[in-house]
Each structure stands twice: as structure tokens, then as C-alpha cells.
Amino acid sequence: MFLELIGTVFAGFAFAGIVLVLNKLTGGQLPKWVTPVAAGLGMIAVTISSEYTWYERTREQLPKEMAIVQEVESRALYRPWTYAKPFVDRFAAIDTVSVRTNENVPDQRLVDLYFFGRWAPVSKLPVAVNCTENRRANLADGAEFSDDGRLLNADWISAGPADPIIDATCGV
């Protein structure tokens, strides 16, 4: 976040510098208000570019074992351009390497689900997936395991076969 702020400030100086050079080349024909307007427009342009490229930059840095299961696009009234083309400001991914099975419960898998946000720290949520019944459960809600590995007190969600978390977990 801090580096993006520094980059935005430098973009403002760069755009203002370009206008100052153009003004010098035209013999001072440009109005005085063009320089600060150019600096402001440059800063806005860099900010918008940073918003739209964050998801791609973050996704490219993920290990190949991470499978993205959900993308959340952002639209906001104070960013009217997002209604024409929304941008992804958060997403969820599972670590396919972290998929664990138990031979006593072969249809059940445990996986780590990660949540990424533009201005938020990455958070991790352990999830249980029942591949044959197309259900999943959040393990952070106080679920416990019995001696044979079955889940107790789990709040199962029937998600259906098209659920991307179940699909990515069971397809491993």
C-alpha cells in the first residue's frame, strides 16, 4: 500500500514535469492551471491502473498448486468507471497440496481455503469437503473429530456438484 502511494505521488510529479516541458517547448503558451490538472489526472490514472492490475499481479505470484475458486468483482458509486468494467478486488483459492484424506473416511477431504483482498491480509480457513454428498463444512466453527476421523458438530453446507471448492478439492 505504501509503495503504491509513493508510485502515485511520483506519477503526479512525472505528469506535471511533462506539461512543464511542453510549456517550455511551446514558449509558455499553456495556461498555468494545466500543470496541476495534469498531475492530478496522472495520479488518478495510476491509481485506476493499479486497481485493475492487482488481481493479475497477485495471481501470477501464487504457486501453481493454488486453485482459484472464487473471484469477487467491485463496483462503487465513487468509482463510476467500475460500472463499465468492474475489477476483482478479492478472491479465494485453495492449496491443492494441502488436501488431506483419512483412510477411515475416504469420501471426506480436508483443505485450506485462502482469502485474498486488495487491502487486506491473507486469511486461511480449514474446510472439510464430502466429495460423494457434495457438502462442505467450515472447521473453524468448533467442529471436532472422533477417534476414527469422522467430523462431529460440523455445520455442513449442501453446495451441489458445481461448487468450485468441492470441484477443486475432489478433483485432486
C-alpha atoms as a PDB file:
ATOM      1  CA  MET A   1       0.000   0.000   0.000  1.00  0.00           C
ATOM      2  CA  PHE A   2       2.792   2.386   0.891  1.00  0.00           C
ATOM      3  CA  LEU A   3       4.668   1.657  -2.348  1.00  0.00           C
ATOM      4  CA  GLU A   4       1.526   2.339  -4.370  1.00  0.00           C
ATOM      5  CA  LEU A   5       1.163   5.692  -2.610  1.00  0.00           C
ATOM      6  CA  ILE A   6       4.775   6.562  -3.439  1.00  0.00           C
ATOM      7  CA  GLY A   7       4.217   5.477  -7.065  1.00  0.00           C
ATOM      8  CA  THR A   8       1.104   7.632  -7.310  1.00  0.00           C
ATOM      9  CA  VAL A   9       2.939  10.697  -5.992  1.00  0.00           C
ATOM     10  CA  PHE A  10       5.804  10.132  -8.436  1.00  0.00           C
ATOM     11  CA  ALA A  11       3.288   9.768 -11.284  1.00  0.00           C
ATOM     12  CA  GLY A  12       1.879  13.171 -10.347  1.00  0.00           C
ATOM     13  CA  PHE A  13       5.348  14.714 -10.496  1.00  0.00           C
ATOM     14  CA  ALA A  14       6.065  12.979 -13.820  1.00  0.00           C
ATOM     15  CA  PHE A  15       2.864  14.200 -15.465  1.00  0.00           C
ATOM     16  CA  ALA A  16       3.443  17.717 -14.149  1.00  0.00           C
ATOM     17  CA  GLY A  17       7.006  17.564 -15.464  1.00  0.00           C
ATOM     18  CA  ILE A  18       5.806  16.547 -18.919  1.00  0.00           C
ATOM     19  CA  VAL A  19       3.455  19.527 -19.007  1.00  0.00           C
ATOM     20  CA  LEU A  20       6.236  21.848 -17.852  1.00  0.00           C
ATOM     21  CA  VAL A  21       8.480  20.578 -20.676  1.00  0.00           C
ATOM     22  CA  LEU A  22       5.643  21.001 -23.194  1.00  0.00           C
ATOM     23  CA  ASN A  23       5.054  24.508 -21.884  1.00  0.00           C
ATOM     24  CA  LYS A  24       8.733  25.300 -22.322  1.00  0.00           C
ATOM     25  CA  LEU A  25       8.705  23.921 -25.888  1.00  0.00           C
ATOM     26  CA  THR A  26       5.625  25.960 -26.819  1.00  0.00           C
ATOM     27  CA  GLY A  27       7.140  29.159 -25.456  1.00  0.00           C
ATOM     28  CA  GLY A  28       4.900  29.362 -22.378  1.00  0.00           C
ATOM     29  CA  GLN A  29       1.623  29.205 -24.298  1.00  0.00           C
ATOM     30  CA  LEU A  30      -0.115  26.762 -21.938  1.00  0.00           C
ATOM     31  CA  PRO A  31      -2.317  28.118 -19.127  1.00  0.00           C
ATOM     32  CA  LYS A  32      -0.926  27.826 -15.599  1.00  0.00           C
ATOM     33  CA  TRP A  33      -3.737  25.522 -14.452  1.00  0.00           C
ATOM     34  CA  VAL A  34      -2.719  22.746 -16.900  1.00  0.00           C
ATOM     35  CA  THR A  35       0.212  21.577 -14.744  1.00  0.00           C
ATOM     36  CA  PRO A  36      -1.717  20.730 -11.552  1.00  0.00           C
ATOM     37  CA  VAL A  37      -4.592  19.263 -13.595  1.00  0.00           C
ATOM     38  CA  ALA A  38      -2.156  17.014 -15.458  1.00  0.00           C
ATOM     39  CA  ALA A  39      -0.583  15.939 -12.153  1.00  0.00           C
ATOM     40  CA  GLY A  40      -3.995  15.089 -10.702  1.00  0.00           C
ATOM     41  CA  LEU A  41      -5.134  13.210 -13.807  1.00  0.00           C
ATOM     42  CA  GLY A  42      -1.846  11.282 -13.831  1.00  0.00           C
ATOM     43  CA  MET A  43      -2.306  10.267 -10.203  1.00  0.00           C
ATOM     44  CA  ILE A  44      -5.878   9.149 -10.870  1.00  0.00           C
ATOM     45  CA  ALA A  45      -4.757   7.171 -13.929  1.00  0.00           C
ATOM     46  CA  VAL A  46      -2.025   5.373 -11.970  1.00  0.00           C
ATOM     47  CA  THR A  47      -4.456   4.571  -9.148  1.00  0.00           C
ATOM     48  CA  ILE A  48      -7.017   3.128 -11.575  1.00  0.00           C
ATOM     49  CA  SER A  49      -4.332   1.129 -13.352  1.00  0.00           C
ATOM     50  CA  SER A  50      -3.141  -0.266 -10.034  1.00  0.00           C
ATOM     51  CA  GLU A  51      -6.680  -1.321  -9.105  1.00  0.00           C
ATOM     52  CA  TYR A  52      -7.226  -3.148 -12.375  1.00  0.00           C
ATOM     53  CA  THR A  53      -3.851  -4.910 -12.399  1.00  0.00           C
ATOM     54  CA  TRP A  54      -3.760  -6.011  -8.724  1.00  0.00           C
ATOM     55  CA  TYR A  55      -5.571  -9.300  -9.312  1.00  0.00           C
ATOM     56  CA  GLU A  56      -3.383 -10.350 -12.241  1.00  0.00           C
ATOM     57  CA  ARG A  57      -0.196  -9.413 -10.393  1.00  0.00           C
ATOM     58  CA  THR A  58      -1.284 -11.302  -7.273  1.00  0.00           C
ATOM     59  CA  ARG A  59      -2.484 -14.343  -9.216  1.00  0.00           C
ATOM     60  CA  GLU A  60       0.807 -14.578 -11.110  1.00  0.00           C
ATOM     61  CA  GLN A  61       2.731 -14.670  -7.817  1.00  0.00           C
ATOM     62  CA  LEU A  62       0.747 -17.621  -6.457  1.00  0.00           C
ATOM     63  CA  PRO A  63       2.290 -21.080  -6.628  1.00  0.00           C
ATOM     64  CA  LYS A  64       0.862 -23.306  -9.363  1.00  0.00           C
ATOM     65  CA  GLU A  65      -0.649 -25.545  -6.667  1.00  0.00           C
ATOM     66  CA  MET A  66      -3.130 -22.811  -5.718  1.00  0.00           C
ATOM     67  CA  ALA A  67      -6.515 -23.155  -7.449  1.00  0.00           C
ATOM     68  CA  ILE A  68      -8.672 -20.028  -7.548  1.00  0.00           C
ATOM     69  CA  VAL A  69     -12.233 -20.951  -6.611  1.00  0.00           C
ATOM     70  CA  GLN A  70     -13.937 -17.554  -6.454  1.00  0.00           C
ATOM     71  CA  GLU A  71     -13.417 -14.010  -7.694  1.00  0.00           C
ATOM     72  CA  VAL A  72     -15.320 -11.008  -6.335  1.00  0.00           C
ATOM     73  CA  GLU A  73     -15.665  -8.011  -8.630  1.00  0.00           C
ATOM     74  CA  SER A  74     -16.017  -4.498  -7.264  1.00  0.00           C
ATOM     75  CA  ARG A  75     -18.313  -1.706  -8.377  1.00  0.00           C
ATOM     76  CA  ALA A  76     -18.635   1.545  -6.480  1.00  0.00           C
ATOM     77  CA  LEU A  77     -20.524   4.784  -6.892  1.00  0.00           C
ATOM     78  CA  TYR A  78     -17.409   6.817  -6.107  1.00  0.00           C
ATOM     79  CA  ARG A  79     -15.608   4.936  -8.923  1.00  0.00           C
ATOM     80  CA  PRO A  80     -18.046   5.346 -11.823  1.00  0.00           C
ATOM     81  CA  TRP A  81     -15.708   3.621 -14.324  1.00  0.00           C
ATOM     82  CA  THR A  82     -16.212   0.352 -12.422  1.00  0.00           C
ATOM     83  CA  TYR A  83     -19.778   0.143 -13.705  1.00  0.00           C
ATOM     84  CA  ALA A  84     -18.430  -0.061 -17.253  1.00  0.00           C
ATOM     85  CA  LYS A  85     -15.693  -2.549 -16.305  1.00  0.00           C
ATOM     86  CA  PRO A  86     -15.604  -3.911 -12.742  1.00  0.00           C
ATOM     87  CA  PHE A  87     -12.314  -5.126 -11.287  1.00  0.00           C
ATOM     88  CA  VAL A  88     -11.501  -8.049  -8.996  1.00  0.00           C
ATOM     89  CA  ASP A  89     -10.635  -6.760  -5.531  1.00  0.00           C
ATOM     90  CA  ARG A  90     -10.722 -10.075  -3.649  1.00  0.00           C
ATOM     91  CA  PHE A  91     -10.637 -13.774  -4.374  1.00  0.00           C
ATOM     92  CA  ALA A  92     -10.469 -17.173  -2.717  1.00  0.00           C
ATOM     93  CA  ALA A  93      -8.116 -20.034  -3.545  1.00  0.00           C
ATOM     94  CA  ILE A  94      -7.392 -23.487  -2.203  1.00  0.00           C
ATOM     95  CA  ASP A  95      -3.999 -25.025  -1.746  1.00  0.00           C
ATOM     96  CA  THR A  96      -4.264 -28.318  -3.639  1.00  0.00           C
ATOM     97  CA  VAL A  97      -1.112 -29.552  -1.897  1.00  0.00           C
ATOM     98  CA  SER A  98      -2.852 -29.196   1.478  1.00  0.00           C
ATOM     99  CA  VAL A  99      -5.674 -31.624   0.580  1.00  0.00           C
ATOM    100  CA  ARG A 100      -5.655 -34.350   3.223  1.00  0.00           C
ATOM    101  CA  THR A 101      -7.595 -37.601   3.365  1.00  0.00           C
ATOM    102  CA  ASN A 102      -8.275 -40.195   6.049  1.00  0.00           C
ATOM    103  CA  GLU A 103      -8.486 -43.867   5.102  1.00  0.00           C
ATOM    104  CA  ASN A 104     -11.313 -44.350   7.633  1.00  0.00           C
ATOM    105  CA  VAL A 105     -13.389 -41.670   5.878  1.00  0.00           C
ATOM    106  CA  PRO A 106     -12.357 -41.932   2.192  1.00  0.00           C
ATOM    107  CA  ASP A 107     -15.036 -39.568   0.823  1.00  0.00           C
ATOM    108  CA  GLN A 108     -14.028 -36.732   3.128  1.00  0.00           C
ATOM    109  CA  ARG A 109     -11.149 -34.372   2.445  1.00  0.00           C
ATOM    110  CA  LEU A 110      -9.640 -31.507   4.426  1.00  0.00           C
ATOM    111  CA  VAL A 111      -8.265 -28.479   2.603  1.00  0.00           C
ATOM    112  CA  ASP A 112      -7.003 -24.986   3.385  1.00  0.00           C
ATOM    113  CA  LEU A 113      -9.020 -22.178   1.795  1.00  0.00           C
ATOM    114  CA  TYR A 114      -7.226 -18.827   1.483  1.00  0.00           C
ATOM    115  CA  PHE A 115      -8.896 -15.424   1.143  1.00  0.00           C
ATOM    116  CA  PHE A 116      -7.000 -12.630  -0.614  1.00  0.00           C
ATOM    117  CA  GLY A 117      -8.125  -8.999  -0.555  1.00  0.00           C
ATOM    118  CA  ARG A 118      -6.729  -5.881  -2.169  1.00  0.00           C
ATOM    119  CA  TRP A 119      -6.112  -4.047   1.105  1.00  0.00           C
ATOM    120  CA  ALA A 120      -6.497  -6.991   3.497  1.00  0.00           C
ATOM    121  CA  PRO A 121      -4.074  -9.542   4.881  1.00  0.00           C
ATOM    122  CA  VAL A 122      -4.386 -13.099   3.580  1.00  0.00           C
ATOM    123  CA  SER A 123      -6.536 -15.280   5.826  1.00  0.00           C
ATOM    124  CA  LYS A 124      -6.747 -19.062   5.960  1.00  0.00           C
ATOM    125  CA  LEU A 125      -9.778 -21.234   6.706  1.00  0.00           C
ATOM    126  CA  PRO A 126      -9.660 -25.011   7.072  1.00  0.00           C
ATOM    127  CA  VAL A 127     -12.583 -26.655   5.268  1.00  0.00           C
ATOM    128  CA  ALA A 128     -13.890 -30.233   5.213  1.00  0.00           C
ATOM    129  CA  VAL A 129     -15.359 -31.498   1.951  1.00  0.00           C
ATOM    130  CA  ASN A 130     -17.526 -34.582   1.477  1.00  0.00           C
ATOM    131  CA  CYS A 131     -16.994 -35.493  -2.178  1.00  0.00           C
ATOM    132  CA  THR A 132     -19.814 -38.027  -2.572  1.00  0.00           C
ATOM    133  CA  GLU A 133     -22.527 -35.937  -0.887  1.00  0.00           C
ATOM    134  CA  ASN A 134     -21.321 -32.576  -2.333  1.00  0.00           C
ATOM    135  CA  ARG A 135     -21.160 -30.917   1.072  1.00  0.00           C
ATOM    136  CA  ARG A 136     -18.592 -28.797   2.827  1.00  0.00           C
ATOM    137  CA  ALA A 137     -18.073 -27.556   6.369  1.00  0.00           C
ATOM    138  CA  ASN A 138     -16.131 -24.727   7.934  1.00  0.00           C
ATOM    139  CA  LEU A 139     -13.776 -26.293  10.522  1.00  0.00           C
ATOM    140  CA  ALA A 140     -13.220 -23.005  12.377  1.00  0.00           C
ATOM    141  CA  ASP A 141     -16.766 -23.142  13.781  1.00  0.00           C
ATOM    142  CA  GLY A 142     -15.888 -25.612  16.543  1.00  0.00           C
ATOM    143  CA  ALA A 143     -16.041 -28.890  14.645  1.00  0.00           C
ATOM    144  CA  GLU A 144     -14.291 -31.798  16.322  1.00  0.00           C
ATOM    145  CA  PHE A 145     -13.004 -35.136  15.109  1.00  0.00           C
ATOM    146  CA  SER A 146     -13.914 -38.536  16.550  1.00  0.00           C
ATOM    147  CA  ASP A 147     -11.288 -41.202  17.144  1.00  0.00           C
ATOM    148  CA  ASP A 148     -11.920 -42.739  13.722  1.00  0.00           C
ATOM    149  CA  GLY A 149     -11.581 -39.365  11.930  1.00  0.00           C
ATOM    150  CA  ARG A 150     -15.257 -38.518  11.393  1.00  0.00           C
ATOM    151  CA  LEU A 151     -16.370 -34.955  11.911  1.00  0.00           C
ATOM    152  CA  LEU A 152     -18.529 -34.170  14.927  1.00  0.00           C
ATOM    153  CA  ASN A 153     -20.525 -30.951  15.410  1.00  0.00           C
ATOM    154  CA  ALA A 154     -19.823 -29.839  11.850  1.00  0.00           C
ATOM    155  CA  ASP A 155     -22.248 -27.435  10.200  1.00  0.00           C
ATOM    156  CA  TRP A 156     -22.405 -28.991   6.723  1.00  0.00           C
ATOM    157  CA  ILE A 157     -23.496 -26.913   3.740  1.00  0.00           C
ATOM    158  CA  SER A 158     -25.057 -28.710   0.777  1.00  0.00           C
ATOM    159  CA  ALA A 159     -23.357 -26.984  -2.101  1.00  0.00           C
ATOM    160  CA  GLY A 160     -24.037 -29.152  -5.136  1.00  0.00           C
ATOM    161  CA  PRO A 161     -21.646 -30.657  -7.656  1.00  0.00           C
ATOM    162  CA  ALA A 162     -20.945 -27.337  -9.395  1.00  0.00           C
ATOM    163  CA  ASP A 163     -19.431 -25.784  -6.258  1.00  0.00           C
ATOM    164  CA  PRO A 164     -15.896 -24.640  -7.169  1.00  0.00           C
ATOM    165  CA  ILE A 165     -14.468 -25.527  -3.741  1.00  0.00           C
ATOM    166  CA  ILE A 166     -15.803 -29.091  -3.928  1.00  0.00           C
ATOM    167  CA  ASP A 167     -14.785 -29.398  -7.571  1.00  0.00           C
ATOM    168  CA  ALA A 168     -11.199 -28.210  -6.943  1.00  0.00           C
ATOM    169  CA  THR A 169     -10.826 -30.303  -3.771  1.00  0.00           C
ATOM    170  CA  CYS A 170     -12.298 -33.561  -5.058  1.00  0.00           C
ATOM    171  CA  GLY A 171     -10.735 -33.269  -8.463  1.00  0.00           C
ATOM    172  CA  VAL A 172      -7.256 -33.561  -6.930  1.00  0.00           C
END
